[in-house]
Protein backbone atom coordinates (compact mmCIF):
# COMPACT_ATOMS: atom_id res chain seq x y z
CA MET A 1 48.25 49.46 -27.27
CA SER A 2 45.94 51.30 -29.57
CA THR A 3 42.34 50.29 -30.13
CA PRO A 4 42.70 49.34 -33.83
CA LEU A 5 45.59 47.04 -32.96
CA LEU A 6 43.52 45.38 -30.22
CA LEU A 7 40.60 44.93 -32.62
CA ALA A 8 42.89 43.39 -35.25
CA LEU A 9 44.38 41.07 -32.64
CA ALA A 10 40.91 40.02 -31.44
CA ALA A 11 39.78 39.37 -35.02
CA LEU A 12 42.86 37.26 -35.69
CA LEU A 13 42.31 35.28 -32.53
CA LEU A 14 38.68 34.73 -33.48
CA LEU A 15 39.72 33.47 -36.91
CA ILE A 16 41.96 30.91 -35.25
CA VAL A 17 39.61 29.83 -32.45
CA VAL A 18 36.39 29.29 -34.41
CA PRO A 19 37.65 26.59 -36.83
CA ALA A 20 39.63 24.89 -34.08
CA SER A 21 36.60 24.67 -31.80
CA ARG A 22 34.45 23.43 -34.71
CA ASP A 23 36.95 20.65 -35.37
CA LEU A 24 36.99 19.79 -31.68
CA PHE A 25 33.19 19.58 -31.49
CA ASN A 26 33.05 17.45 -34.65
CA ALA A 27 35.64 15.07 -33.23
CA MET A 28 33.75 14.78 -29.94
CA ARG A 29 30.48 14.12 -31.78
CA ALA A 30 32.09 11.44 -33.98
CA GLN A 31 33.54 9.76 -30.92
CA SER A 32 30.16 9.73 -29.15
CA GLU A 33 28.52 8.25 -32.27
CA ARG A 34 31.11 5.45 -32.34
CA GLU A 35 30.51 4.75 -28.66
CA ALA A 36 26.76 4.68 -29.24
CA GLN A 37 27.20 2.13 -32.02
CA ARG A 38 29.31 -0.04 -29.71
CA ARG A 39 26.53 0.01 -27.12
CA LEU A 40 23.96 -1.26 -29.62
CA VAL A 41 23.13 -4.89 -29.06
CA PRO A 42 22.04 -6.89 -32.11
CA ILE A 43 18.74 -8.66 -31.61
CA ARG A 44 16.98 -11.32 -33.62
CA ILE A 45 13.32 -10.78 -34.34
CA ASP A 46 11.50 -14.08 -34.43
CA ASP A 47 8.45 -13.79 -36.66
CA GLY A 48 7.38 -17.41 -36.24
CA ARG A 49 8.40 -18.71 -39.66
CA GLU A 50 11.11 -20.94 -38.18
CA ARG A 51 8.65 -22.56 -35.79
CA ARG A 52 6.16 -23.23 -38.57
CA ARG A 53 8.82 -24.98 -40.68
CA ARG A 54 9.67 -27.47 -37.96
């Protein structure tokens, strides 16, 4: 194959791979954020107001 054809083929492959990998990384990041939110445990901060009312 000639060099210009190889360069065109490499450029085309790069145009396909870059957006696909960006989508993959965004999906992996979104999934890790959802998992992090599931790991969060809600806590109640007691500031003493309830005890003073009783």
